[in-house]
Amino acid sequence: MLLLLLLLLLLLLLLLLLLLLLLLLLLLLLLLLLLLLLLLLLLLPLLLLRLLLLLLLLLLLLLLLLLLLLLLVLLLLVLLLLLPPPPPPPRLPLLLLQLLPLLLLLLPLLLLLLLLLLLLLLLLLLLLLLLLPLLLLLLLLLLLLLLLLLLLLLLLLLLLILLLLLLLLLLLLLLLLLLLLLLQLLLLLLLLLLLLLLPTPPPPPPPPFTVTKNVFTQWLLLQLIAHIGGHACFTNSPCFYGILTTTVHVYLRHIFLGHLS
């Protein structure tokens, strides 16, 4: 009988500890929900949503109060169980009778807590349904902003690459121009050195005096006109004979001397 009683007490103690842990977890969750709702109240401009959030806040506060009461009751139960038993060991019915008021207090609190949790879930679902378009819009805006940022980054990278390529091309062109200028200067210096070192050639001799056929023919015509004008060569045969012999003599002399080309 004592062993059974001890086992029951241990089971009851374990259950109470589990309930305590669950209540603590619920308290933490409720605190987080309160913080989220406060943030939403600060951020949302719509009146209906604010009213819903206020209702949720009130429900959460009630749940917190109920959880605190449950924690107190459970702590009392744990303390009662952990207290040293009186000298006469109580029987099981007596123990149940002692715990019955606390259990009767605990049951309605648990029921109320469940009802409030259900109501809270319903309100949260309603709030999510109302906020779903807004959340979708926010998500779309965030995605668009991310895409725009990525595009801007890509454009900046492309511009930087193009600028670097242009700078490299300009540097290459400048180097090529400098090399060409250096080569031209070297060639000019070499030409100047060659001109300074090589001896100057002597001037060419003047060309020999030559008389062309056209010039000689013109001279003969001038001589003939002079003799015709000065003497009556056509009526005086010795004059004509003298002109002919003089012309043949001058022509032969030029041929023999090599002045006629």
Protein backbone atom coordinates (compact mmCIF):
# COMPACT_ATOMS: atom_id res chain seq x y z
CA MET A 1 0.00 0.00 0.00
CA LEU A 2 2.79 2.38 0.83
CA LEU A 3 4.58 1.57 -2.41
CA LEU A 4 1.45 2.25 -4.40
CA LEU A 5 0.96 5.52 -2.62
CA LEU A 6 4.55 6.52 -3.29
CA LEU A 7 4.20 5.64 -6.95
CA LEU A 8 1.06 7.69 -7.23
CA LEU A 9 2.73 10.60 -5.55
CA LEU A 10 5.69 10.36 -7.89
CA LEU A 11 3.43 10.23 -10.92
CA LEU A 12 1.49 13.19 -9.70
CA LEU A 13 4.69 15.08 -9.06
CA LEU A 14 5.96 14.32 -12.54
CA LEU A 15 2.70 15.45 -14.06
CA LEU A 16 2.84 18.65 -12.12
CA LEU A 17 6.40 19.29 -13.22
CA LEU A 18 5.45 18.68 -16.83
CA LEU A 19 2.57 21.08 -16.45
CA LEU A 20 4.92 23.65 -15.02
CA LEU A 21 7.26 23.30 -17.98
CA LEU A 22 4.40 23.57 -20.43
CA LEU A 23 3.11 26.64 -18.69
CA LEU A 24 6.53 28.24 -18.80
CA LEU A 25 6.78 27.56 -22.51
CA LEU A 26 3.35 29.02 -23.02
CA LEU A 27 4.38 32.09 -21.10
CA LEU A 28 7.40 32.57 -23.33
CA LEU A 29 5.33 32.15 -26.46
CA LEU A 30 2.78 34.60 -25.22
CA LEU A 31 5.46 37.14 -24.47
CA LEU A 32 6.83 36.78 -27.97
CA LEU A 33 3.37 37.19 -29.41
CA LEU A 34 2.88 40.30 -27.33
CA LEU A 35 6.06 41.80 -28.69
CA LEU A 36 5.08 40.99 -32.26
CA LEU A 37 1.66 42.47 -31.80
CA LEU A 38 3.11 45.62 -30.34
CA LEU A 39 5.39 45.97 -33.33
CA LEU A 40 2.50 45.45 -35.69
CA LEU A 41 0.48 48.05 -33.83
CA LEU A 42 3.25 50.53 -34.31
CA LEU A 43 3.71 49.73 -37.97
CA LEU A 44 0.22 49.17 -39.29
CA PRO A 45 -1.86 52.24 -40.21
CA LEU A 46 -5.25 50.57 -40.68
CA LEU A 47 -7.81 51.03 -37.92
CA LEU A 48 -9.41 47.60 -38.23
CA LEU A 49 -6.11 45.84 -37.97
CA ARG A 50 -5.20 47.90 -34.97
CA LEU A 51 -8.44 46.94 -33.26
CA LEU A 52 -7.81 43.29 -33.94
CA LEU A 53 -4.34 43.60 -32.58
CA LEU A 54 -5.64 45.28 -29.46
CA LEU A 55 -8.06 42.41 -28.93
CA LEU A 56 -5.26 39.97 -29.35
CA LEU A 57 -3.21 41.86 -26.83
CA LEU A 58 -6.02 41.75 -24.31
CA LEU A 59 -6.47 38.04 -24.84
CA LEU A 60 -2.80 37.48 -24.41
CA LEU A 61 -2.80 39.42 -21.19
CA LEU A 62 -5.68 37.31 -19.90
CA LEU A 63 -3.83 34.19 -20.87
CA LEU A 64 -0.79 35.43 -19.04
CA LEU A 65 -2.83 35.99 -15.91
CA LEU A 66 -4.38 32.56 -16.15
CA LEU A 67 -1.02 30.98 -16.67
CA LEU A 68 0.32 32.75 -13.66
CA LEU A 69 -2.59 31.46 -11.59
CA LEU A 70 -1.99 27.97 -12.86
CA LEU A 71 1.65 28.26 -11.99
CA LEU A 72 0.76 29.29 -8.48
CA VAL A 73 -1.64 26.38 -8.10
CA LEU A 74 0.88 23.93 -9.44
CA LEU A 75 3.54 25.29 -7.18
CA LEU A 76 1.23 24.83 -4.23
CA LEU A 77 0.57 21.26 -5.27
CA VAL A 78 4.27 20.57 -5.65
CA LEU A 79 4.95 22.09 -2.27
CA LEU A 80 2.23 20.00 -0.71
CA LEU A 81 3.64 16.90 -2.25
CA LEU A 82 7.19 17.71 -1.35
CA LEU A 83 6.46 18.59 2.25
CA PRO A 84 7.38 15.93 4.75
CA PRO A 85 4.35 13.79 5.54
CA PRO A 86 2.85 13.84 9.00
CA PRO A 87 3.76 11.06 11.39
CA PRO A 88 0.65 8.97 10.72
CA PRO A 89 0.79 8.20 7.00
CA PRO A 90 -2.39 9.42 5.39
CA ARG A 91 -4.41 7.08 3.40
CA LEU A 92 -5.09 7.53 -0.26
CA PRO A 93 -8.68 8.79 0.09
CA LEU A 94 -7.54 11.33 2.61
CA LEU A 95 -4.82 12.52 0.27
CA LEU A 96 -7.27 12.82 -2.57
CA LEU A 97 -9.62 14.73 -0.34
CA GLN A 98 -6.81 17.10 0.50
CA LEU A 99 -5.92 17.62 -3.14
CA LEU A 100 -9.49 17.82 -4.37
CA PRO A 101 -10.00 21.58 -3.84
CA LEU A 102 -6.81 22.36 -5.69
CA LEU A 103 -7.76 20.05 -8.51
CA LEU A 104 -11.21 21.59 -8.70
CA LEU A 105 -9.57 24.98 -8.93
CA LEU A 106 -7.15 23.77 -11.53
CA LEU A 107 -9.69 22.23 -13.89
CA PRO A 108 -11.76 25.37 -14.64
CA LEU A 109 -8.57 27.32 -15.05
CA LEU A 110 -7.35 24.79 -17.57
CA LEU A 111 -10.65 24.88 -19.43
CA LEU A 112 -10.60 28.64 -19.56
CA LEU A 113 -7.05 28.56 -20.75
CA LEU A 114 -7.97 26.19 -23.57
CA LEU A 115 -10.87 28.38 -24.61
CA LEU A 116 -8.71 31.45 -24.64
CA LEU A 117 -6.09 29.65 -26.67
CA LEU A 118 -8.68 28.65 -29.24
CA LEU A 119 -9.96 32.19 -29.45
CA LEU A 120 -6.45 33.46 -29.81
CA LEU A 121 -5.77 31.05 -32.64
CA LEU A 122 -8.92 32.16 -34.43
CA LEU A 123 -7.98 35.80 -34.09
CA LEU A 124 -4.50 35.07 -35.34
CA LEU A 125 -5.89 33.31 -38.37
CA LEU A 126 -8.18 36.23 -39.08
CA LEU A 127 -5.32 38.64 -38.72
CA LEU A 128 -3.19 36.59 -41.06
CA LEU A 129 -5.97 36.53 -43.61
CA LEU A 130 -6.26 40.28 -43.40
CA LEU A 131 -2.55 40.83 -43.49
CA LEU A 132 -1.85 38.31 -46.21
CA PRO A 133 -2.17 40.78 -49.13
CA LEU A 134 -0.05 43.26 -47.27
CA LEU A 135 2.55 40.62 -46.53
CA LEU A 136 2.55 39.53 -50.14
CA LEU A 137 3.04 43.10 -51.25
CA LEU A 138 5.89 43.51 -48.82
CA LEU A 139 7.50 40.33 -50.09
CA LEU A 140 7.13 41.45 -53.68
CA LEU A 141 8.62 44.81 -52.85
CA LEU A 142 11.54 43.17 -51.14
CA LEU A 143 12.10 40.90 -54.11
CA LEU A 144 11.96 43.83 -56.49
CA LEU A 145 14.41 45.76 -54.37
CA LEU A 146 16.76 42.82 -54.34
CA LEU A 147 16.52 42.45 -58.10
CA LEU A 148 17.17 46.13 -58.59
CA LEU A 149 20.17 45.98 -56.33
CA LEU A 150 21.53 43.01 -58.24
CA LEU A 151 21.03 44.77 -61.55
CA LEU A 152 22.74 47.87 -60.27
CA LEU A 153 25.65 45.83 -59.05
CA LEU A 154 25.95 44.08 -62.40
CA LEU A 155 25.85 47.39 -64.25
CA LEU A 156 28.51 48.82 -61.99
CA LEU A 157 30.70 45.80 -62.55
CA LEU A 158 30.28 46.06 -66.31
CA LEU A 159 31.11 49.75 -66.25
CA LEU A 160 34.19 49.12 -64.20
CA ILE A 161 35.34 46.38 -66.57
CA LEU A 162 34.79 48.64 -69.59
CA LEU A 163 36.68 51.47 -67.96
CA LEU A 164 39.57 49.18 -67.16
CA LEU A 165 39.67 47.90 -70.74
CA LEU A 166 39.64 51.43 -72.11
CA LEU A 167 42.46 52.44 -69.80
CA LEU A 168 44.49 49.44 -70.89
CA LEU A 169 43.93 50.25 -74.55
CA LEU A 170 44.96 53.86 -74.00
CA LEU A 171 48.10 52.77 -72.21
CA LEU A 172 48.97 50.39 -75.03
CA LEU A 173 48.45 53.11 -77.63
CA LEU A 174 50.62 55.52 -75.68
CA LEU A 175 53.35 52.93 -75.40
CA LEU A 176 53.21 52.25 -79.13
CA LEU A 177 53.40 55.95 -79.92
CA LEU A 178 56.38 56.37 -77.62
CA LEU A 179 58.13 53.43 -79.25
CA LEU A 180 57.52 54.86 -82.71
CA LEU A 181 58.85 58.24 -81.66
CA LEU A 182 61.95 56.64 -80.18
CA LEU A 183 62.55 54.66 -83.36
CA GLN A 184 62.20 57.78 -85.49
CA LEU A 185 64.63 59.66 -83.26
CA LEU A 186 67.12 56.81 -83.47
CA LEU A 187 66.84 56.71 -87.26
CA LEU A 188 67.39 60.45 -87.48
CA LEU A 189 70.43 60.21 -85.23
CA LEU A 190 71.86 57.39 -87.34
CA LEU A 191 71.34 59.37 -90.53
CA LEU A 192 73.03 62.41 -89.02
CA LEU A 193 75.97 60.30 -87.88
CA LEU A 194 76.29 58.74 -91.32
CA LEU A 195 76.19 62.14 -92.96
CA LEU A 196 78.83 63.43 -90.59
CA LEU A 197 81.11 60.42 -90.91
CA LEU A 198 80.91 59.80 -94.69
CA PRO A 199 83.16 62.01 -96.93
CA THR A 200 81.40 64.49 -99.17
CA PRO A 201 81.73 63.57 -102.90
CA PRO A 202 83.47 66.09 -105.21
CA PRO A 203 81.25 68.22 -107.39
CA PRO A 204 80.70 66.81 -110.90
CA PRO A 205 82.69 68.36 -113.77
CA PRO A 206 80.86 70.80 -116.00
CA PRO A 207 79.44 69.22 -119.13
CA PRO A 208 81.40 69.76 -122.41
CA PHE A 209 80.21 72.39 -124.81
CA THR A 210 77.97 70.78 -127.41
CA VAL A 211 76.01 72.22 -130.23
CA THR A 212 72.82 70.50 -131.18
CA LYS A 213 71.63 70.08 -134.74
CA ASN A 214 68.77 72.48 -134.23
CA VAL A 215 71.10 75.22 -133.01
CA PHE A 216 73.51 74.59 -135.90
CA THR A 217 70.68 74.65 -138.44
CA GLN A 218 69.43 77.94 -137.03
CA TRP A 219 72.98 79.35 -137.26
CA LEU A 220 73.29 78.28 -140.88
CA LEU A 221 69.96 79.93 -141.70
CA LEU A 222 71.10 83.16 -140.01
CA GLN A 223 74.37 83.09 -142.01
CA LEU A 224 72.48 82.49 -145.22
CA ILE A 225 70.04 85.34 -144.51
CA ALA A 226 72.95 87.65 -143.65
CA HIS A 227 74.79 86.84 -146.88
CA ILE A 228 71.62 87.16 -148.89
CA GLY A 229 70.82 90.48 -147.29
CA GLY A 230 74.39 91.80 -147.58
CA HIS A 231 75.19 90.56 -151.11
CA ALA A 232 73.20 89.78 -154.17
CA CYS A 233 73.97 86.12 -154.01
CA PHE A 234 71.40 84.99 -156.47
CA THR A 235 72.83 87.20 -159.27
CA ASN A 236 76.45 86.77 -158.24
CA SER A 237 77.56 83.19 -158.50
CA PRO A 238 80.92 83.62 -156.70
CA CYS A 239 79.00 84.92 -153.59
CA PHE A 240 76.76 81.88 -153.56
CA TYR A 241 79.78 79.65 -154.04
CA GLY A 242 81.53 81.36 -151.11
CA ILE A 243 78.52 80.86 -148.83
CA LEU A 244 78.30 77.19 -149.75
CA THR A 245 82.00 76.54 -149.21
CA THR A 246 81.94 78.40 -145.88
CA THR A 247 78.94 76.40 -144.67
CA VAL A 248 80.45 73.05 -145.65
CA HIS A 249 83.73 74.06 -144.03
CA VAL A 250 82.06 75.00 -140.70
CA TYR A 251 79.92 71.86 -140.71
CA LEU A 252 82.91 69.58 -141.33
CA ARG A 253 84.93 71.36 -138.67
CA HIS A 254 82.20 70.79 -136.07
CA ILE A 255 81.95 67.12 -137.03
CA PHE A 256 85.66 66.58 -136.70
CA LEU A 257 85.90 68.47 -133.43
CA GLY A 258 83.01 66.45 -131.94
CA HIS A 259 80.91 69.46 -130.93
CA LEU A 260 77.91 68.39 -132.96
CA SER A 261 75.65 65.84 -131.24
